[in-house]
Amino acid sequence: MANINLIVKEELNITCLRNDTFRLDMIWKDSSDALIDLTAYTFGAQVKKSESDSTSILSFEDSDFTKDASGNLSMTKTSAQMDLQPGTYYYDLQATKTANGDVSTWLGGLFKIEGDVTR
């Protein structure tokens, strides 16, 4: 019997501070170590209390991402948008190839928001 795994998702746990600007900078390469042209994709991410929750506490739309043809991807939220209840949540990041509409989940894991003192 043969097996095939179609999951490309990498696990990346994120910890950030409530009320701080959120910026995650990444460089994406393919399996041949070549930089991926990210201008051919749109991106989105959801942060939820549980993996099966139907509502999110934080959403990243394509406009929250900057991307280029050299594999650079950055996702950001303002400090005001990060005024969220401290806790441990779940997230994933999906990429949609604009040419054909194929969707794949590239990242996922825990999204931990720690409390802050100043604010």
PDB file of N, CA and C in Angstrom:
ATOM      1  N   MET A   1       0.843  -1.169   0.000  1.00  0.00           N
ATOM      2  CA  MET A   1       0.000   0.000   0.000  1.00  0.00           C
ATOM      3  C   MET A   1       0.890   1.234   0.000  1.00  0.00           C
ATOM      4  N   ALA A   2       0.522   2.214  -0.768  1.00  0.00           N
ATOM      5  CA  ALA A   2       1.276   3.464  -0.847  1.00  0.00           C
ATOM      6  C   ALA A   2       0.520   4.556  -0.108  1.00  0.00           C
ATOM      7  N   ASN A   3       1.255   5.549   0.333  1.00  0.00           N
ATOM      8  CA  ASN A   3       0.678   6.713   1.004  1.00  0.00           C
ATOM      9  C   ASN A   3       1.150   7.967   0.301  1.00  0.00           C
ATOM     10  N   ILE A   4       0.323   8.982   0.319  1.00  0.00           N
ATOM     11  CA  ILE A   4       0.719  10.280  -0.200  1.00  0.00           C
ATOM     12  C   ILE A   4       0.203  11.343   0.758  1.00  0.00           C
ATOM     13  N   ASN A   5       1.016  12.335   1.039  1.00  0.00           N
ATOM     14  CA  ASN A   5       0.644  13.419   1.932  1.00  0.00           C
ATOM     15  C   ASN A   5       0.567  14.700   1.116  1.00  0.00           C
ATOM     16  N   LEU A   6      -0.614  15.251   0.975  1.00  0.00           N
ATOM     17  CA  LEU A   6      -0.817  16.470   0.203  1.00  0.00           C
ATOM     18  C   LEU A   6      -0.763  17.734   1.059  1.00  0.00           C
ATOM     19  N   ILE A   7      -0.446  17.574   2.324  1.00  0.00           N
ATOM     20  CA  ILE A   7      -0.382  18.721   3.231  1.00  0.00           C
ATOM     21  C   ILE A   7       0.984  19.397   3.094  1.00  0.00           C
ATOM     22  N   VAL A   8       0.953  20.691   2.774  1.00  0.00           N
ATOM     23  CA  VAL A   8       2.204  21.452   2.660  1.00  0.00           C
ATOM     24  C   VAL A   8       2.396  22.371   3.871  1.00  0.00           C
ATOM     25  N   LYS A   9       1.441  22.385   4.770  1.00  0.00           N
ATOM     26  CA  LYS A   9       1.455  23.293   5.915  1.00  0.00           C
ATOM     27  C   LYS A   9       2.660  23.044   6.819  1.00  0.00           C
ATOM     28  N   GLU A  10       3.370  24.125   7.114  1.00  0.00           N
ATOM     29  CA  GLU A  10       4.449  24.107   8.097  1.00  0.00           C
ATOM     30  C   GLU A  10       3.886  24.588   9.428  1.00  0.00           C
ATOM     31  N   GLU A  11       4.346  23.994  10.524  1.00  0.00           N
ATOM     32  CA  GLU A  11       3.896  24.435  11.839  1.00  0.00           C
ATOM     33  C   GLU A  11       4.828  25.526  12.350  1.00  0.00           C
ATOM     34  N   LEU A  12       4.228  26.649  12.720  1.00  0.00           N
ATOM     35  CA  LEU A  12       4.968  27.772  13.282  1.00  0.00           C
ATOM     36  C   LEU A  12       4.115  28.368  14.387  1.00  0.00           C
ATOM     37  N   ASN A  13       4.551  28.233  15.620  1.00  0.00           N
ATOM     38  CA  ASN A  13       3.845  28.819  16.748  1.00  0.00           C
ATOM     39  C   ASN A  13       4.306  30.261  16.912  1.00  0.00           C
ATOM     40  N   ILE A  14       3.359  31.163  17.136  1.00  0.00           N
ATOM     41  CA  ILE A  14       3.620  32.598  17.224  1.00  0.00           C
ATOM     42  C   ILE A  14       3.271  33.081  18.618  1.00  0.00           C
ATOM     43  N   THR A  15       4.145  33.896  19.213  1.00  0.00           N
ATOM     44  CA  THR A  15       3.861  34.575  20.469  1.00  0.00           C
ATOM     45  C   THR A  15       4.054  36.068  20.255  1.00  0.00           C
ATOM     46  N   CYS A  16       3.063  36.850  20.652  1.00  0.00           N
ATOM     47  CA  CYS A  16       3.143  38.302  20.491  1.00  0.00           C
ATOM     48  C   CYS A  16       2.538  38.977  21.721  1.00  0.00           C
ATOM     49  N   LEU A  17       2.671  40.303  21.786  1.00  0.00           N
ATOM     50  CA  LEU A  17       2.143  41.065  22.914  1.00  0.00           C
ATOM     51  C   LEU A  17       0.885  41.818  22.520  1.00  0.00           C
ATOM     52  N   ARG A  18      -0.074  41.811  23.421  1.00  0.00           N
ATOM     53  CA  ARG A  18      -1.281  42.610  23.258  1.00  0.00           C
ATOM     54  C   ARG A  18      -0.876  44.084  23.124  1.00  0.00           C
ATOM     55  N   ASN A  19      -1.548  44.806  22.251  1.00  0.00           N
ATOM     56  CA  ASN A  19      -1.355  46.248  22.039  1.00  0.00           C
ATOM     57  C   ASN A  19      -0.022  46.623  21.414  1.00  0.00           C
ATOM     58  N   ASP A  20       0.746  45.660  20.933  1.00  0.00           N
ATOM     59  CA  ASP A  20       1.967  45.958  20.174  1.00  0.00           C
ATOM     60  C   ASP A  20       1.681  45.754  18.693  1.00  0.00           C
ATOM     61  N   THR A  21       2.378  46.505  17.859  1.00  0.00           N
ATOM     62  CA  THR A  21       2.275  46.290  16.417  1.00  0.00           C
ATOM     63  C   THR A  21       2.726  44.872  16.109  1.00  0.00           C
ATOM     64  N   PHE A  22       1.958  44.186  15.273  1.00  0.00           N
ATOM     65  CA  PHE A  22       2.300  42.827  14.879  1.00  0.00           C
ATOM     66  C   PHE A  22       2.911  42.863  13.485  1.00  0.00           C
ATOM     67  N   ARG A  23       4.103  42.313  13.339  1.00  0.00           N
ATOM     68  CA  ARG A  23       4.747  42.193  12.031  1.00  0.00           C
ATOM     69  C   ARG A  23       5.523  40.884  12.002  1.00  0.00           C
ATOM     70  N   LEU A  24       5.161  40.043  11.063  1.00  0.00           N
ATOM     71  CA  LEU A  24       5.862  38.785  10.861  1.00  0.00           C
ATOM     72  C   LEU A  24       6.436  38.799   9.450  1.00  0.00           C
ATOM     73  N   ASP A  25       7.764  38.822   9.352  1.00  0.00           N
ATOM     74  CA  ASP A  25       8.458  38.834   8.064  1.00  0.00           C
ATOM     75  C   ASP A  25       8.946  37.423   7.757  1.00  0.00           C
ATOM     76  N   MET A  26       8.678  36.963   6.527  1.00  0.00           N
ATOM     77  CA  MET A  26       9.039  35.611   6.116  1.00  0.00           C
ATOM     78  C   MET A  26       9.664  35.633   4.731  1.00  0.00           C
ATOM     79  N   ILE A  27      10.461  34.614   4.448  1.00  0.00           N
ATOM     80  CA  ILE A  27      10.982  34.386   3.101  1.00  0.00           C
ATOM     81  C   ILE A  27      10.557  32.982   2.704  1.00  0.00           C
ATOM     82  N   TRP A  28       9.883  32.858   1.548  1.00  0.00           N
ATOM     83  CA  TRP A  28       9.356  31.577   1.096  1.00  0.00           C
ATOM     84  C   TRP A  28      10.141  31.047  -0.080  1.00  0.00           C
ATOM     85  N   LYS A  29      10.524  29.762   0.019  1.00  0.00           N
ATOM     86  CA  LYS A  29      11.236  29.058  -1.050  1.00  0.00           C
ATOM     87  C   LYS A  29      10.494  27.767  -1.355  1.00  0.00           C
ATOM     88  N   ASP A  30      10.664  27.274  -2.582  1.00  0.00           N
ATOM     89  CA  ASP A  30      10.046  26.007  -2.939  1.00  0.00           C
ATOM     90  C   ASP A  30      10.953  24.845  -2.538  1.00  0.00           C
ATOM     91  N   SER A  31      10.554  23.629  -2.877  1.00  0.00           N
ATOM     92  CA  SER A  31      11.312  22.441  -2.476  1.00  0.00           C
ATOM     93  C   SER A  31      12.689  22.362  -3.129  1.00  0.00           C
ATOM     94  N   SER A  32      12.910  23.145  -4.178  1.00  0.00           N
ATOM     95  CA  SER A  32      14.225  23.204  -4.834  1.00  0.00           C
ATOM     96  C   SER A  32      15.069  24.351  -4.303  1.00  0.00           C
ATOM     97  N   ASP A  33      14.605  25.007  -3.245  1.00  0.00           N
ATOM     98  CA  ASP A  33      15.275  26.130  -2.601  1.00  0.00           C
ATOM     99  C   ASP A  33      15.267  27.400  -3.458  1.00  0.00           C
ATOM    100  N   ALA A  34      14.360  27.473  -4.432  1.00  0.00           N
ATOM    101  CA  ALA A  34      14.205  28.677  -5.260  1.00  0.00           C
ATOM    102  C   ALA A  34      13.160  29.587  -4.617  1.00  0.00           C
ATOM    103  N   LEU A  35      13.405  30.884  -4.660  1.00  0.00           N
ATOM    104  CA  LEU A  35      12.462  31.856  -4.107  1.00  0.00           C
ATOM    105  C   LEU A  35      11.150  31.806  -4.886  1.00  0.00           C
ATOM    106  N   ILE A  36      10.036  31.908  -4.169  1.00  0.00           N
ATOM    107  CA  ILE A  36       8.709  31.846  -4.784  1.00  0.00           C
ATOM    108  C   ILE A  36       8.250  33.259  -5.124  1.00  0.00           C
ATOM    109  N   ASP A  37       7.730  33.442  -6.336  1.00  0.00           N
ATOM    110  CA  ASP A  37       7.142  34.718  -6.743  1.00  0.00           C
ATOM    111  C   ASP A  37       5.784  34.843  -6.058  1.00  0.00           C
ATOM    112  N   LEU A  38       5.735  35.600  -4.972  1.00  0.00           N
ATOM    113  CA  LEU A  38       4.518  35.700  -4.169  1.00  0.00           C
ATOM    114  C   LEU A  38       3.496  36.659  -4.759  1.00  0.00           C
ATOM    115  N   THR A  39       3.874  37.402  -5.808  1.00  0.00           N
ATOM    116  CA  THR A  39       2.910  38.295  -6.451  1.00  0.00           C
ATOM    117  C   THR A  39       1.848  37.508  -7.202  1.00  0.00           C
ATOM    118  N   ALA A  40       2.054  36.218  -7.367  1.00  0.00           N
ATOM    119  CA  ALA A  40       1.091  35.350  -8.045  1.00  0.00           C
ATOM    120  C   ALA A  40       0.046  34.788  -7.077  1.00  0.00           C
ATOM    121  N   TYR A  41       0.044  35.255  -5.827  1.00  0.00           N
ATOM    122  CA  TYR A  41      -0.845  34.724  -4.794  1.00  0.00           C
ATOM    123  C   TYR A  41      -1.557  35.850  -4.055  1.00  0.00           C
ATOM    124  N   THR A  42      -2.713  35.504  -3.488  1.00  0.00           N
ATOM    125  CA  THR A  42      -3.335  36.333  -2.455  1.00  0.00           C
ATOM    126  C   THR A  42      -3.258  35.523  -1.162  1.00  0.00           C
ATOM    127  N   PHE A  43      -3.286  36.228  -0.033  1.00  0.00           N
ATOM    128  CA  PHE A  43      -3.101  35.574   1.261  1.00  0.00           C
ATOM    129  C   PHE A  43      -4.201  35.970   2.238  1.00  0.00           C
ATOM    130  N   GLY A  44      -4.451  35.097   3.172  1.00  0.00           N
ATOM    131  CA  GLY A  44      -5.384  35.351   4.256  1.00  0.00           C
ATOM    132  C   GLY A  44      -5.029  34.475   5.439  1.00  0.00           C
ATOM    133  N   ALA A  45      -5.369  34.947   6.626  1.00  0.00           N
ATOM    134  CA  ALA A  45      -5.118  34.176   7.849  1.00  0.00           C
ATOM    135  C   ALA A  45      -6.238  34.453   8.843  1.00  0.00           C
ATOM    136  N   GLN A  46      -6.528  33.470   9.667  1.00  0.00           N
ATOM    137  CA  GLN A  46      -7.544  33.575  10.707  1.00  0.00           C
ATOM    138  C   GLN A  46      -6.941  33.128  12.030  1.00  0.00           C
ATOM    139  N   VAL A  47      -7.309  33.821  13.111  1.00  0.00           N
ATOM    140  CA  VAL A  47      -6.940  33.434  14.473  1.00  0.00           C
ATOM    141  C   VAL A  47      -8.243  33.134  15.195  1.00  0.00           C
ATOM    142  N   LYS A  48      -8.323  31.926  15.787  1.00  0.00           N
ATOM    143  CA  LYS A  48      -9.567  31.485  16.425  1.00  0.00           C
ATOM    144  C   LYS A  48      -9.300  30.892  17.807  1.00  0.00           C
ATOM    145  N   LYS A  49     -10.349  30.875  18.636  1.00  0.00           N
ATOM    146  CA  LYS A  49     -10.237  30.287  19.967  1.00  0.00           C
ATOM    147  C   LYS A  49     -10.009  28.785  19.905  1.00  0.00           C
ATOM    148  N   SER A  50     -10.591  28.128  18.914  1.00  0.00           N
ATOM    149  CA  SER A  50     -10.363  26.701  18.716  1.00  0.00           C
ATOM    150  C   SER A  50     -10.286  26.461  17.213  1.00  0.00           C
ATOM    151  N   GLU A  51      -9.700  25.347  16.836  1.00  0.00           N
ATOM    152  CA  GLU A  51      -9.542  25.052  15.413  1.00  0.00           C
ATOM    153  C   GLU A  51     -10.883  24.889  14.702  1.00  0.00           C
ATOM    154  N   SER A  52     -11.909  24.501  15.442  1.00  0.00           N
ATOM    155  CA  SER A  52     -13.221  24.277  14.832  1.00  0.00           C
ATOM    156  C   SER A  52     -14.174  25.457  15.012  1.00  0.00           C
ATOM    157  N   ASP A  53     -13.712  26.527  15.641  1.00  0.00           N
ATOM    158  CA  ASP A  53     -14.557  27.699  15.884  1.00  0.00           C
ATOM    159  C   ASP A  53     -14.979  28.325  14.557  1.00  0.00           C
ATOM    160  N   SER A  54     -16.219  28.765  14.459  1.00  0.00           N
ATOM    161  CA  SER A  54     -16.710  29.358  13.210  1.00  0.00           C
ATOM    162  C   SER A  54     -16.406  30.851  13.110  1.00  0.00           C
ATOM    163  N   THR A  55     -16.042  31.478  14.221  1.00  0.00           N
ATOM    164  CA  THR A  55     -15.707  32.904  14.196  1.00  0.00           C
ATOM    165  C   THR A  55     -14.249  33.096  14.600  1.00  0.00           C
ATOM    166  N   SER A  56     -13.658  34.161  14.085  1.00  0.00           N
ATOM    167  CA  SER A  56     -12.259  34.440  14.407  1.00  0.00           C
ATOM    168  C   SER A  56     -12.166  35.667  15.307  1.00  0.00           C
ATOM    169  N   ILE A  57     -11.114  35.732  16.104  1.00  0.00           N
ATOM    170  CA  ILE A  57     -10.871  36.915  16.931  1.00  0.00           C
ATOM    171  C   ILE A  57     -10.014  37.922  16.171  1.00  0.00           C
ATOM    172  N   LEU A  58      -9.350  37.452  15.106  1.00  0.00           N
ATOM    173  CA  LEU A  58      -8.471  38.311  14.311  1.00  0.00           C
ATOM    174  C   LEU A  58      -8.378  37.717  12.909  1.00  0.00           C
ATOM    175  N   SER A  59      -8.530  38.579  11.908  1.00  0.00           N
ATOM    176  CA  SER A  59      -8.425  38.147  10.510  1.00  0.00           C
ATOM    177  C   SER A  59      -7.384  38.994   9.794  1.00  0.00           C
ATOM    178  N   PHE A  60      -6.570  38.341   9.000  1.00  0.00           N
ATOM    179  CA  PHE A  60      -5.624  39.018   8.128  1.00  0.00           C
ATOM    180  C   PHE A  60      -6.137  38.865   6.700  1.00  0.00           C
ATOM    181  N   GLU A  61      -6.427  39.973   6.048  1.00  0.00           N
ATOM    182  CA  GLU A  61      -6.863  39.968   4.658  1.00  0.00           C
ATOM    183  C   GLU A  61      -5.641  40.181   3.773  1.00  0.00           C
ATOM    184  N   ASP A  62      -5.803  40.020   2.467  1.00  0.00           N
ATOM    185  CA  ASP A  62      -4.674  40.194   1.552  1.00  0.00           C
ATOM    186  C   ASP A  62      -4.027  41.569   1.709  1.00  0.00           C
ATOM    187  N   SER A  63      -4.815  42.576   2.058  1.00  0.00           N
ATOM    188  CA  SER A  63      -4.272  43.932   2.244  1.00  0.00           C
ATOM    189  C   SER A  63      -3.367  44.044   3.477  1.00  0.00           C
ATOM    190  N   ASP A  64      -3.399  43.065   4.372  1.00  0.00           N
ATOM    191  CA  ASP A  64      -2.523  43.046   5.554  1.00  0.00           C
ATOM    192  C   ASP A  64      -1.167  42.419   5.252  1.00  0.00           C
ATOM    193  N   PHE A  65      -0.971  42.001   4.001  1.00  0.00           N
ATOM    194  CA  PHE A  65       0.273  41.361   3.577  1.00  0.00           C
ATOM    195  C   PHE A  65       0.991  42.244   2.561  1.00  0.00           C
ATOM    196  N   THR A  66       2.314  42.271   2.650  1.00  0.00           N
ATOM    197  CA  THR A  66       3.125  42.811   1.565  1.00  0.00           C
ATOM    198  C   THR A  66       3.935  41.639   1.040  1.00  0.00           C
ATOM    199  N   LYS A  67       4.112  41.625  -0.279  1.00  0.00           N
ATOM    200  CA  LYS A  67       4.757  40.471  -0.909  1.00  0.00           C
ATOM    201  C   LYS A  67       5.505  40.948  -2.140  1.00  0.00           C
ATOM    202  N   ASP A  68       6.492  40.145  -2.562  1.00  0.00           N
ATOM    203  CA  ASP A  68       7.221  40.478  -3.778  1.00  0.00           C
ATOM    204  C   ASP A  68       7.596  39.212  -4.532  1.00  0.00           C
ATOM    205  N   ALA A  69       8.276  39.400  -5.653  1.00  0.00           N
ATOM    206  CA  ALA A  69       8.663  38.276  -6.513  1.00  0.00           C
ATOM    207  C   ALA A  69       9.873  37.529  -5.982  1.00  0.00           C
ATOM    208  N   SER A  70      10.488  38.032  -4.917  1.00  0.00           N
ATOM    209  CA  SER A  70      11.685  37.414  -4.340  1.00  0.00           C
ATOM    210  C   SER A  70      11.398  36.637  -3.068  1.00  0.00           C
ATOM    211  N   GLY A  71      10.157  36.194  -2.882  1.00  0.00           N
ATOM    212  CA  GLY A  71       9.814  35.341  -1.753  1.00  0.00           C
ATOM    213  C   GLY A  71       9.567  36.045  -0.441  1.00  0.00           C
ATOM    214  N   ASN A  72       9.599  37.379  -0.426  1.00  0.00           N
ATOM    215  CA  ASN A  72       9.390  38.129   0.818  1.00  0.00           C
ATOM    216  C   ASN A  72       7.906  38.331   1.084  1.00  0.00           C
ATOM    217  N   LEU A  73       7.482  37.927   2.284  1.00  0.00           N
ATOM    218  CA  LEU A  73       6.092  38.074   2.699  1.00  0.00           C
ATOM    219  C   LEU A  73       6.079  38.634   4.109  1.00  0.00           C
ATOM    220  N   SER A  74       5.282  39.662   4.307  1.00  0.00           N
ATOM    221  CA  SER A  74       5.143  40.263   5.628  1.00  0.00           C
ATOM    222  C   SER A  74       3.666  40.410   5.937  1.00  0.00           C
ATOM    223  N   MET A  75       3.271  40.000   7.140  1.00  0.00           N
ATOM    224  CA  MET A  75       1.883  40.194   7.579  1.00  0.00           C
ATOM    225  C   MET A  75       1.889  41.122   8.782  1.00  0.00           C
ATOM    226  N   THR A  76       0.979  42.124   8.776  1.00  0.00           N
ATOM    227  CA  THR A  76       1.004  43.146   9.814  1.00  0.00           C
ATOM    228  C   THR A  76      -0.398  43.489  10.312  1.00  0.00           C
ATOM    229  N   LYS A  77      -0.427  43.941  11.547  1.00  0.00           N
ATOM    230  CA  LYS A  77      -1.603  44.544  12.168  1.00  0.00           C
ATOM    231  C   LYS A  77      -1.117  45.690  13.050  1.00  0.00           C
ATOM    232  N   THR A  78      -1.941  46.716  13.174  1.00  0.00           N
ATOM    233  CA  THR A  78      -1.578  47.855  14.012  1.00  0.00           C
ATOM    234  C   THR A  78      -1.718  47.487  15.488  1.00  0.00           C
ATOM    235  N   SER A  79      -1.150  48.310  16.351  1.00  0.00           N
ATOM    236  CA  SER A  79      -1.264  48.065  17.791  1.00  0.00           C
ATOM    237  C   SER A  79      -2.726  48.117  18.231  1.00  0.00           C
ATOM    238  N   ALA A  80      -3.521  49.008  17.634  1.00  0.00           N
ATOM    239  CA  ALA A  80      -4.949  49.079  17.975  1.00  0.00           C
ATOM    240  C   ALA A  80      -5.680  47.800  17.579  1.00  0.00           C
ATOM    241  N   GLN A  81      -5.322  47.229  16.442  1.00  0.00           N
ATOM    242  CA  GLN A  81      -5.948  45.975  16.001  1.00  0.00           C
ATOM    243  C   GLN A  81      -5.528  44.794  16.869  1.00  0.00           C
ATOM    244  N   MET A  82      -4.407  44.944  17.571  1.00  0.00           N
ATOM    245  CA  MET A  82      -3.902  43.870  18.441  1.00  0.00           C
ATOM    246  C   MET A  82      -4.358  44.032  19.894  1.00  0.00           C
ATOM    247  N   ASP A  83      -5.360  44.875  20.122  1.00  0.00           N
ATOM    248  CA  ASP A  83      -5.929  45.034  21.456  1.00  0.00           C
ATOM    249  C   ASP A  83      -6.900  43.883  21.682  1.00  0.00           C
ATOM    250  N   LEU A  84      -6.333  42.722  21.966  1.00  0.00           N
ATOM    251  CA  LEU A  84      -7.084  41.470  22.079  1.00  0.00           C
ATOM    252  C   LEU A  84      -6.851  40.828  23.440  1.00  0.00           C
ATOM    253  N   GLN A  85      -7.780  39.995  23.833  1.00  0.00           N
ATOM    254  CA  GLN A  85      -7.675  39.280  25.107  1.00  0.00           C
ATOM    255  C   GLN A  85      -6.467  38.348  25.085  1.00  0.00           C
ATOM    256  N   PRO A  86      -5.565  38.470  26.072  1.00  0.00           N
ATOM    257  CA  PRO A  86      -4.445  37.523  26.131  1.00  0.00           C
ATOM    258  C   PRO A  86      -4.961  36.080  26.230  1.00  0.00           C
ATOM    259  N   GLY A  87      -4.242  35.189  25.596  1.00  0.00           N
ATOM    260  CA  GLY A  87      -4.622  33.785  25.621  1.00  0.00           C
ATOM    261  C   GLY A  87      -3.911  33.020  24.528  1.00  0.00           C
ATOM    262  N   THR A  88      -4.185  31.739  24.466  1.00  0.00           N
ATOM    263  CA  THR A  88      -3.609  30.880  23.433  1.00  0.00           C
ATOM    264  C   THR A  88      -4.707  30.522  22.448  1.00  0.00           C
ATOM    265  N   TYR A  89      -4.453  30.812  21.185  1.00  0.00           N
ATOM    266  CA  TYR A  89      -5.413  30.623  20.113  1.00  0.00           C
ATOM    267  C   TYR A  89      -4.780  29.734  19.030  1.00  0.00           C
ATOM    268  N   TYR A  90      -5.516  29.536  17.955  1.00  0.00           N
ATOM    269  CA  TYR A  90      -5.045  28.756  16.812  1.00  0.00           C
ATOM    270  C   TYR A  90      -5.147  29.617  15.559  1.00  0.00           C
ATOM    271  N   TYR A  91      -4.229  29.401  14.614  1.00  0.00           N
ATOM    272  CA  TYR A  91      -4.274  30.168  13.373  1.00  0.00           C
ATOM    273  C   TYR A  91      -3.826  29.290  12.214  1.00  0.00           C
ATOM    274  N   ASP A  92      -4.167  29.741  11.030  1.00  0.00           N
ATOM    275  CA  ASP A  92      -3.512  29.227   9.833  1.00  0.00           C
ATOM    276  C   ASP A  92      -3.472  30.324   8.779  1.00  0.00           C
ATOM    277  N   LEU A  93      -2.552  30.157   7.846  1.00  0.00           N
ATOM    278  CA  LEU A  93      -2.342  31.101   6.756  1.00  0.00           C
ATOM    279  C   LEU A  93      -2.548  30.356   5.448  1.00  0.00           C
ATOM    280  N   GLN A  94      -3.447  30.899   4.617  1.00  0.00           N
ATOM    281  CA  GLN A  94      -3.731  30.266   3.336  1.00  0.00           C
ATOM    282  C   GLN A  94      -3.273  31.151   2.186  1.00  0.00           C
ATOM    283  N   ALA A  95      -2.787  30.489   1.145  1.00  0.00           N
ATOM    284  CA  ALA A  95      -2.373  31.154  -0.087  1.00  0.00           C
ATOM    285  C   ALA A  95      -3.292  30.695  -1.207  1.00  0.00           C
ATOM    286  N   THR A  96      -3.730  31.648  -2.020  1.00  0.00           N
ATOM    287  CA  THR A  96      -4.557  31.336  -3.182  1.00  0.00           C
ATOM    288  C   THR A  96      -3.803  31.764  -4.430  1.00  0.00           C
ATOM    289  N   LYS A  97      -3.542  30.828  -5.317  1.00  0.00           N
ATOM    290  CA  LYS A  97      -2.863  31.138  -6.577  1.00  0.00           C
ATOM    291  C   LYS A  97      -3.867  31.845  -7.483  1.00  0.00           C
ATOM    292  N   THR A  98      -3.553  33.071  -7.869  1.00  0.00           N
ATOM    293  CA  THR A  98      -4.519  33.880  -8.609  1.00  0.00           C
ATOM    294  C   THR A  98      -4.794  33.328 -10.007  1.00  0.00           C
ATOM    295  N   ALA A  99      -3.859  32.643 -10.615  1.00  0.00           N
ATOM    296  CA  ALA A  99      -4.034  32.135 -11.977  1.00  0.00           C
ATOM    297  C   ALA A  99      -5.128  31.072 -12.081  1.00  0.00           C
ATOM    298  N   ASN A 100      -5.237  30.218 -11.049  1.00  0.00           N
ATOM    299  CA  ASN A 100      -6.199  29.109 -11.149  1.00  0.00           C
ATOM    300  C   ASN A 100      -7.104  28.942  -9.931  1.00  0.00           C
ATOM    301  N   GLY A 101      -6.907  29.754  -8.891  1.00  0.00           N
ATOM    302  CA  GLY A 101      -7.761  29.677  -7.706  1.00  0.00           C
ATOM    303  C   GLY A 101      -7.409  28.575  -6.734  1.00  0.00           C
ATOM    304  N   ASP A 102      -6.303  27.843  -6.970  1.00  0.00           N
ATOM    305  CA  ASP A 102      -5.892  26.794  -6.039  1.00  0.00           C
ATOM    306  C   ASP A 102      -5.575  27.400  -4.671  1.00  0.00           C
ATOM    307  N   VAL A 103      -6.102  26.767  -3.621  1.00  0.00           N
ATOM    308  CA  VAL A 103      -5.888  27.221  -2.247  1.00  0.00           C
ATOM    309  C   VAL A 103      -5.052  26.193  -1.512  1.00  0.00           C
ATOM    310  N   SER A 104      -4.047  26.654  -0.777  1.00  0.00           N
ATOM    311  CA  SER A 104      -3.265  25.751   0.067  1.00  0.00           C
ATOM    312  C   SER A 104      -2.910  26.463   1.369  1.00  0.00           C
ATOM    313  N   THR A 105      -2.863  25.692   2.428  1.00  0.00           N
ATOM    314  CA  THR A 105      -2.512  26.220   3.749  1.00  0.00           C
ATOM    315  C   THR A 105      -1.016  26.059   3.929  1.00  0.00           C
ATOM    316  N   TRP A 106      -0.318  27.179   4.075  1.00  0.00           N
ATOM    317  CA  TRP A 106       1.149  27.179   4.150  1.00  0.00           C
ATOM    318  C   TRP A 106       1.673  27.145   5.581  1.00  0.00           C
ATOM    319  N   LEU A 107       0.951  27.751   6.515  1.00  0.00           N
ATOM    320  CA  LEU A 107       1.390  27.816   7.914  1.00  0.00           C
ATOM    321  C   LEU A 107       0.218  27.557   8.835  1.00  0.00           C
ATOM    322  N   GLY A 108       0.530  27.156  10.038  1.00  0.00           N
ATOM    323  CA  GLY A 108      -0.491  27.020  11.063  1.00  0.00           C
ATOM    324  C   GLY A 108       0.151  26.669  12.386  1.00  0.00           C
ATOM    325  N   GLY A 109      -0.604  26.844  13.443  1.00  0.00           N
ATOM    326  CA  GLY A 109      -0.099  26.507  14.759  1.00  0.00           C
ATOM    327  C   GLY A 109      -0.791  27.316  15.835  1.00  0.00           C
ATOM    328  N   LEU A 110      -0.099  27.477  16.944  1.00  0.00           N
ATOM    329  CA  LEU A 110      -0.626  28.253  18.060  1.00  0.00           C
ATOM    330  C   LEU A 110      -0.320  29.732  17.845  1.00  0.00           C
ATOM    331  N   PHE A 111      -1.215  30.588  18.288  1.00  0.00           N
ATOM    332  CA  PHE A 111      -1.064  32.037  18.231  1.00  0.00           C
ATOM    333  C   PHE A 111      -1.288  32.535  19.651  1.00  0.00           C
ATOM    334  N   LYS A 112      -0.209  32.787  20.369  1.00  0.00           N
ATOM    335  CA  LYS A 112      -0.298  33.164  21.780  1.00  0.00           C
ATOM    336  C   LYS A 112      -0.166  34.666  21.911  1.00  0.00           C
ATOM    337  N   ILE A 113      -1.133  35.273  22.604  1.00  0.00           N
ATOM    338  CA  ILE A 113      -1.110  36.711  22.894  1.00  0.00           C
ATOM    339  C   ILE A 113      -0.853  36.865  24.386  1.00  0.00           C
ATOM    340  N   GLU A 114       0.245  37.522  24.710  1.00  0.00           N
ATOM    341  CA  GLU A 114       0.584  37.761  26.111  1.00  0.00           C
ATOM    342  C   GLU A 114       0.147  39.166  26.494  1.00  0.00           C
ATOM    343  N   GLY A 115      -0.183  39.341  27.772  1.00  0.00           N
ATOM    344  CA  GLY A 115      -0.604  40.642  28.285  1.00  0.00           C
ATOM    345  C   GLY A 115       0.570  41.614  28.342  1.00  0.00           C
ATOM    346  N   ASP A 116       0.225  42.884  28.313  1.00  0.00           N
ATOM    347  CA  ASP A 116       1.253  43.919  28.437  1.00  0.00           C
ATOM    348  C   ASP A 116       0.950  44.768  29.666  1.00  0.00           C
ATOM    349  N   VAL A 117       1.878  45.614  30.043  1.00  0.00           N
ATOM    350  CA  VAL A 117       1.707  46.470  31.218  1.00  0.00           C
ATOM    351  C   VAL A 117       1.308  47.869  30.801  1.00  0.00           C
ATOM    352  N   THR A 118       1.970  48.413  29.793  1.00  0.00           N
ATOM    353  CA  THR A 118       1.717  49.784  29.355  1.00  0.00           C
ATOM    354  C   THR A 118       0.552  49.819  28.395  1.00  0.00           C
ATOM    355  N   ARG A 119      -0.379  50.743  28.647  1.00  0.00           N
ATOM    356  CA  ARG A 119      -1.484  51.043  27.742  1.00  0.00           C
ATOM    357  C   ARG A 119      -2.643  51.536  28.502  1.00  0.00           C
TER     358      ARG A 119
END
